[in-house]
Protein backbone atom coordinates (compact mmCIF):
# COMPACT_ATOMS: atom_id res chain seq x y z
CA MET A 1 0.14 0.08 0.00
CA ASN A 2 1.35 3.51 -0.78
CA ARG A 3 0.65 6.09 1.74
CA VAL A 4 2.00 9.02 3.22
CA ILE A 5 2.72 9.95 6.81
CA VAL A 6 2.40 12.60 8.88
CA ASN A 7 5.01 12.83 11.87
CA LEU A 8 2.41 14.70 14.72
CA HIS A 9 5.59 14.67 16.89
CA ALA A 10 7.96 16.20 14.21
CA LEU A 11 5.16 18.56 13.06
CA GLN A 12 4.77 19.81 16.94
CA GLN A 13 8.55 20.28 16.96
CA ASN A 14 8.70 22.49 14.26
CA LEU A 15 5.63 24.24 14.78
CA THR A 16 6.86 25.05 18.34
CA VAL A 17 10.53 26.19 17.04
CA VAL A 18 8.75 28.97 14.67
CA ASP A 19 6.31 29.97 17.22
CA ARG A 20 9.37 30.69 19.37
CA TRP A 21 10.85 32.57 16.71
CA MET A 22 7.71 34.90 16.35
CA GLN A 23 7.55 35.41 20.14
CA ARG A 24 10.80 36.55 20.12
CA TYR A 25 10.48 38.68 17.23
CA ASN A 26 7.22 40.29 19.17
CA ALA A 27 5.51 39.38 15.66
CA HIS A 28 2.11 37.44 14.91
CA TRP A 29 1.73 34.68 12.43
CA THR A 30 -0.47 32.74 10.51
CA LEU A 31 0.00 29.08 9.72
CA VAL A 32 -0.33 28.37 5.85
CA THR A 33 -2.14 24.87 5.92
CA LYS A 34 -3.03 24.92 2.14
CA ALA A 35 -0.15 21.66 1.54
CA LEU A 36 -2.52 19.36 3.49
CA CYS A 37 -5.45 20.20 0.91
CA GLY A 38 -8.19 19.85 3.71
CA HIS A 39 -7.08 16.93 5.91
CA SER A 40 -8.73 16.68 8.56
CA ASP A 41 -6.66 14.78 11.22
CA THR A 42 -3.78 16.56 10.51
CA LEU A 43 -5.59 19.85 11.13
CA LYS A 44 -7.71 18.47 14.00
CA ALA A 45 -3.80 17.76 15.45
CA LEU A 46 -2.67 21.45 14.63
CA ILE A 47 -5.46 22.74 16.79
CA ARG A 48 -4.75 20.54 19.20
CA MET A 49 -1.43 21.87 19.23
CA GLY A 50 -2.53 25.47 19.50
CA VAL A 51 -3.16 26.95 16.35
CA ARG A 52 -5.46 29.77 15.89
CA SER A 53 -4.96 31.50 12.77
CA VAL A 54 -4.52 29.48 9.58
CA GLY A 55 -4.19 30.59 5.93
CA GLU A 56 -5.81 28.80 2.66
CA SER A 57 -6.19 29.03 -1.13
CA ARG A 58 -9.14 26.75 -1.34
CA LEU A 59 -12.74 27.45 -0.14
CA ASP A 60 -13.54 23.73 0.22
CA ASN A 61 -10.38 23.55 2.90
CA LEU A 62 -11.69 26.55 4.63
CA ARG A 63 -14.93 25.02 5.13
CA GLU A 64 -13.77 21.91 6.42
CA ILE A 65 -11.42 24.49 9.22
CA GLN A 66 -14.45 26.00 10.16
CA ARG A 67 -16.02 22.46 10.62
CA ILE A 68 -13.56 21.50 12.77
CA ALA A 69 -12.50 25.30 14.49
CA PRO A 70 -15.26 27.24 13.79
CA GLN A 71 -13.75 30.29 15.95
CA ILE A 72 -10.26 29.93 14.44
CA GLU A 73 -9.03 33.00 12.35
CA SER A 74 -8.73 32.14 8.68
CA TRP A 75 -6.95 34.08 5.80
CA TYR A 76 -7.80 33.51 2.41
CA LEU A 77 -4.63 33.60 0.47
CA ARG A 78 -5.68 33.64 -2.98
CA VAL A 79 -6.34 36.97 -4.79
CA PRO A 80 -10.39 36.74 -4.50
CA ALA A 81 -12.19 35.92 -7.78
CA LEU A 82 -15.16 38.08 -8.24
CA ALA A 83 -17.34 35.32 -8.87
CA SER A 84 -16.65 33.92 -5.49
CA VAL A 85 -16.75 36.85 -3.29
CA ASP A 86 -20.09 35.80 -1.45
CA GLN A 87 -18.22 32.77 -0.24
CA VAL A 88 -14.94 34.28 0.80
CA VAL A 89 -16.67 36.37 3.20
CA GLU A 90 -18.49 33.74 4.74
CA HIS A 91 -15.66 31.23 5.09
CA SER A 92 -12.68 33.83 5.93
CA SER A 93 -11.76 36.45 8.10
CA VAL A 94 -9.10 38.30 5.95
CA THR A 95 -8.12 38.19 2.36
CA LEU A 96 -5.13 39.57 0.54
CA ASN A 97 -6.34 41.96 -2.33
CA SER A 98 -4.82 43.67 -5.16
CA GLU A 99 -7.84 44.99 -7.21
CA ALA A 100 -10.10 47.72 -6.03
CA GLU A 101 -13.28 46.40 -7.75
CA THR A 102 -12.77 42.63 -5.74
CA ILE A 103 -12.63 44.71 -2.64
CA HIS A 104 -15.92 47.12 -3.37
CA ALA A 105 -17.30 43.60 -4.21
CA LEU A 106 -16.32 42.12 -1.07
CA ASN A 107 -17.56 45.24 0.88
CA GLU A 108 -21.28 44.16 -0.82
CA ALA A 109 -21.28 40.66 0.25
CA ALA A 110 -20.22 41.79 3.87
CA HIS A 111 -22.91 44.14 3.73
CA LYS A 112 -25.22 41.42 2.72
CA ARG A 113 -23.86 39.03 5.88
CA GLY A 114 -23.96 42.36 8.41
CA VAL A 115 -20.27 41.97 9.06
CA GLN A 116 -17.16 43.77 9.05
CA HIS A 117 -14.46 41.76 6.40
CA ARG A 118 -10.83 42.52 7.04
CA VAL A 119 -8.02 43.12 4.07
CA ILE A 120 -4.32 43.15 3.07
CA ILE A 121 -3.68 45.17 0.53
CA MET A 122 -0.77 43.59 -1.75
CA ILE A 123 2.05 45.61 -3.06
CA GLU A 124 4.34 44.26 -6.06
CA LEU A 125 7.81 44.20 -4.99
CA GLY A 126 9.42 42.36 -7.73
CA ASP A 127 8.23 38.73 -7.29
CA LEU A 128 5.74 39.88 -10.33
CA ARG A 129 3.02 37.86 -8.68
CA GLU A 130 0.10 39.46 -6.81
CA GLY A 131 0.24 43.06 -5.67
CA ILE A 132 -0.43 46.70 -7.04
CA LEU A 133 2.44 48.78 -8.39
CA PRO A 134 3.66 51.20 -5.91
CA GLY A 135 2.70 54.41 -7.74
CA THR A 136 -0.55 53.46 -7.52
CA LEU A 137 -0.97 52.92 -3.76
CA VAL A 138 -2.19 55.88 -2.66
CA LYS A 139 -4.90 56.18 -5.73
CA PHE A 140 -5.94 52.73 -4.69
CA TYR A 141 -6.25 53.09 -1.07
CA ASN A 142 -8.13 56.24 -1.27
CA GLN A 143 -10.62 54.16 -3.10
CA VAL A 144 -11.06 51.49 -0.40
CA PHE A 145 -10.39 52.47 3.05
CA GLN A 146 -13.52 54.33 3.84
CA LEU A 147 -15.93 51.39 2.60
CA GLU A 148 -18.41 50.87 5.23
CA HIS A 149 -18.01 46.93 5.44
CA ILE A 150 -14.46 46.79 4.68
CA GLU A 151 -11.35 46.96 7.48
CA VAL A 152 -7.85 47.71 5.73
CA LEU A 153 -5.74 46.10 8.43
CA GLY A 154 -2.63 46.82 6.66
CA ILE A 155 -0.18 46.46 3.46
CA GLY A 156 1.58 43.11 2.24
CA ALA A 157 3.92 41.39 -0.11
CA ASN A 158 4.90 38.27 -1.45
CA LEU A 159 8.55 37.83 -2.04
CA GLY A 160 9.89 34.18 -3.54
CA CYS A 161 6.61 32.74 -4.29
CA LEU A 162 6.79 32.95 -8.39
CA ALA A 163 10.32 34.57 -9.54
CA GLY A 164 12.52 33.12 -7.15
CA ALA A 165 13.19 36.72 -5.84
CA VAL A 166 15.28 36.88 -2.74
CA PRO A 167 13.54 38.84 0.25
CA ASN A 168 16.14 41.52 1.11
CA VAL A 169 16.01 44.29 3.73
CA ASP A 170 15.60 47.17 1.34
CA GLN A 171 12.71 45.82 0.02
CA TYR A 172 11.03 45.55 3.66
CA MET A 173 12.11 48.99 3.87
CA GLN A 174 10.04 50.18 1.33
CA LEU A 175 6.97 48.29 2.57
CA ILE A 176 7.67 50.42 5.71
CA LEU A 177 7.84 53.70 4.21
CA TYR A 178 4.80 52.71 2.07
CA ARG A 179 2.89 52.37 5.13
CA GLU A 180 3.91 55.31 6.66
CA LEU A 181 2.81 57.49 3.91
CA LEU A 182 -0.62 55.82 4.01
CA GLU A 183 -1.06 56.65 7.40
CA LEU A 184 -0.03 60.31 7.34
CA LYS A 185 -1.82 61.02 4.35
CA PHE A 186 -5.00 59.41 5.50
CA GLU A 187 -4.82 59.79 9.17
CA HIS A 188 -5.81 56.20 9.25
CA ARG A 189 -3.65 53.58 11.50
CA MET A 190 -3.11 50.34 9.75
CA PRO A 191 -1.85 47.88 12.40
CA ILE A 192 -0.36 45.33 10.09
CA ILE A 193 2.73 44.65 7.57
CA SER A 194 2.22 41.06 6.39
CA GLY A 195 5.44 40.70 4.92
CA GLY A 196 6.82 37.74 6.34
CA THR A 197 7.07 34.42 4.98
CA SER A 198 9.09 30.89 4.92
CA ALA A 199 11.54 32.47 2.82
CA THR A 200 11.94 35.55 5.53
CA LEU A 201 12.90 33.40 8.04
CA PRO A 202 16.72 33.73 7.54
CA LEU A 203 16.16 37.44 7.81
CA VAL A 204 14.69 36.84 11.08
CA LEU A 205 17.67 34.28 12.38
CA ASP A 206 20.01 36.70 11.22
CA GLY A 207 18.21 39.61 13.23
CA VAL A 208 18.39 41.93 10.07
CA LEU A 209 14.88 42.01 9.45
CA PRO A 210 12.85 45.23 10.69
CA HIS A 211 10.33 44.47 13.47
CA THR A 212 8.02 46.57 11.68
CA ILE A 213 7.74 43.72 9.37
CA ASN A 214 4.88 42.23 12.29
CA HIS A 215 2.88 39.73 10.30
CA PHE A 216 4.18 36.49 9.10
CA ARG A 217 2.68 33.67 6.79
CA ILE A 218 4.37 30.69 7.19
CA GLY A 219 3.79 26.84 5.57
CA GLU A 220 7.03 25.22 4.21
CA ALA A 221 9.12 25.80 7.05
CA VAL A 222 6.71 24.35 9.51
CA PHE A 223 5.84 21.32 7.32
CA LEU A 224 9.24 20.59 5.56
CA GLY A 225 11.93 22.60 7.67
CA THR A 226 13.12 24.40 4.45
CA ASN A 227 15.70 26.97 4.29
CA LEU A 228 14.38 28.43 0.79
CA ILE A 229 17.48 30.87 0.51
CA HIS A 230 20.46 28.62 1.57
CA GLY A 231 18.83 25.31 1.05
CA GLY A 232 18.99 22.93 3.32
CA THR A 233 17.11 22.84 6.64
CA LEU A 234 16.57 25.99 8.94
CA PRO A 235 18.22 25.28 12.43
CA GLY A 236 16.07 23.66 15.37
CA LEU A 237 13.55 22.12 12.58
CA ARG A 238 12.89 18.75 11.47
CA ASP A 239 12.53 17.33 7.83
CA ASP A 240 10.51 14.69 8.53
CA VAL A 241 7.06 15.70 8.91
CA PHE A 242 5.89 13.82 6.02
CA THR A 243 7.20 10.67 4.48
CA LEU A 244 5.63 8.63 1.50
CA GLU A 245 5.84 5.41 1.73
CA ALA A 246 5.64 3.28 -1.77
CA GLU A 247 5.06 -0.44 -2.35
CA ILE A 248 7.22 -2.53 -4.11
CA THR A 249 5.83 -4.29 -7.05
CA GLU A 250 8.75 -6.09 -8.68
CA ILE A 251 12.49 -6.18 -7.63
CA LYS A 252 14.72 -7.84 -10.15
CA GLN A 253 18.73 -7.72 -11.33
CA LYS A 254 18.22 -6.12 -14.66
CA SER A 255 20.57 -4.23 -16.66
CA LEU A 256 21.18 -0.51 -15.63
CA VAL A 257 21.27 0.72 -19.43
CA PRO A 258 19.11 0.13 -21.81
CA SER A 259 20.17 -2.35 -24.40
CA ILE A 260 18.28 -0.84 -27.30
CA GLU A 261 17.87 2.26 -28.89
CA THR A 262 16.11 5.09 -27.05
CA GLY A 263 14.48 8.18 -28.64
CA THR A 264 14.59 11.90 -27.24
CA ALA A 265 10.73 11.85 -26.00
CA THR A 266 11.36 9.72 -23.19
CA PRO A 267 9.28 9.38 -19.81
CA PHE A 268 10.69 11.31 -16.67
CA GLN A 269 14.41 11.00 -15.70
CA SER A 270 15.71 11.98 -12.62
CA GLU A 271 17.93 14.86 -12.33
CA GLY A 272 20.06 12.86 -9.91
CA ARG A 273 20.44 9.90 -11.60
CA ASN A 274 23.43 8.09 -12.04
CA ASP A 275 24.90 8.64 -16.02
CA SER A 276 27.94 6.62 -15.22
CA PHE A 277 26.83 3.31 -15.85
CA LYS A 278 28.51 1.44 -18.30
CA PRO A 279 26.61 -1.03 -21.00
CA GLY A 280 25.85 -4.62 -19.74
CA GLN A 281 26.44 -3.15 -15.97
CA ARG A 282 23.70 -4.68 -13.87
CA GLY A 283 21.80 -3.98 -10.38
CA TYR A 284 18.54 -4.70 -8.53
CA ARG A 285 15.80 -2.44 -9.64
CA ALA A 286 12.68 -2.20 -7.59
CA LEU A 287 9.26 -1.04 -9.35
CA ILE A 288 6.75 1.35 -7.23
CA ASN A 289 3.38 1.89 -8.08
CA VAL A 290 3.59 5.92 -7.32
CA GLY A 291 4.15 8.18 -10.87
CA GLN A 292 3.32 11.23 -12.12
CA LEU A 293 0.05 11.17 -11.89
CA ASP A 294 0.48 10.80 -8.19
CA THR A 295 3.26 13.79 -7.24
CA ASP A 296 6.03 15.42 -8.85
CA ILE A 297 8.37 12.39 -9.14
CA GLY A 298 11.43 14.95 -9.49
CA GLY A 299 10.83 15.90 -5.90
CA LEU A 300 11.02 13.06 -4.25
CA MET A 301 13.95 11.97 -2.29
CA PRO A 302 14.71 8.50 -1.29
CA GLU A 303 15.81 7.98 2.70
CA ASN A 304 18.28 5.33 1.88
CA PRO A 305 20.76 7.32 0.36
CA ASN A 306 21.97 4.40 -1.64
CA TYR A 307 18.80 4.33 -3.54
CA GLN A 308 18.32 6.20 -6.89
CA ILE A 309 15.26 7.26 -8.80
CA ALA A 310 16.34 5.79 -12.27
CA GLY A 311 13.16 7.33 -13.84
CA ALA A 312 9.21 7.33 -13.77
CA SER A 313 6.46 6.87 -16.25
CA SER A 314 2.86 8.10 -15.20
CA ASP A 315 1.85 5.31 -12.85
CA ILE A 316 5.29 3.69 -12.03
CA THR A 317 8.75 4.63 -11.18
CA VAL A 318 11.93 2.36 -10.79
CA VAL A 319 14.52 2.93 -8.02
CA ASN A 320 18.07 1.18 -8.46
CA VAL A 321 18.67 0.02 -4.91
CA GLY A 322 22.26 -1.43 -5.18
CA GLU A 323 24.31 -4.50 -6.33
CA SER A 324 21.93 -6.74 -4.42
CA PRO A 325 18.20 -6.56 -2.74
CA GLY A 326 19.23 -5.84 0.23
CA GLY A 327 16.62 -7.67 1.94
CA LEU A 328 13.91 -5.89 -0.19
CA THR A 329 11.48 -8.27 -1.34
CA ILE A 330 7.77 -7.43 -3.19
CA GLY A 331 5.69 -5.75 -0.30
CA ASP A 332 8.21 -3.77 1.19
CA SER A 333 8.06 -0.28 1.08
CA ILE A 334 10.40 2.28 0.45
CA ARG A 335 10.65 5.60 1.98
CA PHE A 336 11.01 8.84 0.60
CA ARG A 337 11.15 12.72 1.72
CA THR A 338 9.08 14.96 -0.46
CA ASN A 339 10.11 18.87 -1.46
CA TYR A 340 7.00 21.58 -1.54
CA ALA A 341 5.88 20.50 -4.98
CA ALA A 342 5.73 16.99 -4.63
CA LEU A 343 4.01 17.08 -0.93
CA VAL A 344 1.02 19.03 -2.45
CA ARG A 345 0.42 16.63 -5.42
CA LEU A 346 0.43 13.65 -3.01
CA MET A 347 -1.71 15.62 -0.82
CA ALA A 348 -4.26 16.84 -3.45
CA ASN A 349 -3.89 13.10 -5.07
CA LYS A 350 -7.53 11.19 -3.91
CA TYR A 351 -5.78 7.68 -4.95
CA MET A 352 -3.42 8.35 -1.72
CA ASP A 353 -3.56 7.40 1.66
CA VAL A 354 -3.04 9.59 4.30
CA ALA A 355 -2.42 8.70 8.15
CA VAL A 356 -0.79 10.41 11.02
CA ASP A 357 1.11 8.97 13.39
CA PRO A 358 0.41 8.59 16.20
CA PRO A 359 -3.58 7.93 15.40
CA ILE A 360 -5.18 11.03 16.22
CA GLU A 361 -7.47 9.46 18.69
CA GLU A 362 -4.10 9.12 20.83
CA PHE A 363 -2.47 12.59 20.21
CA THR A 364 -2.97 15.02 23.04
CA GLY A 365 -0.94 17.65 21.74
CA ASN A 366 1.15 18.30 24.99
CA LEU A 367 0.25 21.66 25.18
CA GLU A 368 1.44 22.06 28.86
CA GLU A 369 4.72 21.00 27.73
CA THR A 370 4.80 22.74 24.30
CA PRO A 371 2.47 25.54 24.10
CA VAL A 372 2.27 26.77 20.35
CA PRO A 373 -0.35 30.02 20.56
CA VAL A 374 -0.08 30.85 16.67
CA ALA A 375 -1.25 34.28 16.71
CA PRO A 376 -4.31 35.71 15.57
CA VAL A 377 -4.15 39.34 14.49
CA ILE A 378 -7.56 40.28 14.92
CA SER A 379 -9.28 39.51 18.11
CA GLU A 380 -5.78 40.50 19.91
CA GLY A 381 -4.69 43.68 17.75
CA ALA A 382 -0.87 43.77 16.42
CA ASP A 383 1.85 45.32 17.83
CA ASP A 384 4.18 47.64 15.82
């Protein structure tokens, strides 16, 4: 059987470490749970760990979160579509926005529900994803800040999410100046600068990120421990929260180099494959029933460093396991770590089983030992 295992103790350690960084930094933060794709047991475990603010990009997942924890603060991280503003207002506390027309539509939807909807105005700082151009900021803010059912919590930005722009202090200083400009011109306080992400954490650990950046949206660092700037794992974090177990369906000694002519339009080949095999060289190859339909094979890393992904098709992946089978037989599993792209596709895969360890019925969260008060920004306000 193929399955993804979620190590709740590793997850709790990462959550605790990141929360301590945020506490030392005097910042609020939101756990970005979109990689979980609404997996109920993992979400329940996070609530038991103390999570009180989550960020999502799918309305279906927000509904599941509301079912599990109706009072939780929820951030909708996609720029809202006009067609879905009613659902967005119903299921989220805060949205990230870059279109005045959309904010006006959110205002109407909030009016119909008799609620206030809170927004962050996103500003383009170089990653070329969502965000208004800085030169239009005053005009944009003037269009939205007096809407009756909209509260502008602050401004924000995304860096490192699309074009790979490396966050730097100068960009964040620009963000701080933009907020000062708006507050002085309109005499209206905006408590939040939501500019922190997993990619920003190295700046936090180096002590160079301005403390005025007071809200973070963090996901990958918690779930995978990834240092998105320098590679590897951030200090104190674990990279074994998620493990793919893939069942072996065939294991045989075969040639490691094709003995027939091959074309250029070949199926997936691992970037890290060994191209030094010589014609006629043989070794043991294991087939697992996981392929490109299931995940991004290029984002899988065998836990055993002696194993190597040789290639994959839509449904099958071939793993070179060495000169001997090493005790492996059909029915055994090979374990893999994943990068973020592979994780998201695995969790979204309806054919893949996902299990938490320990089972959710046995998991208490150990809150007395490691409280994790992921801080909401609405009920408590935010410090500058």
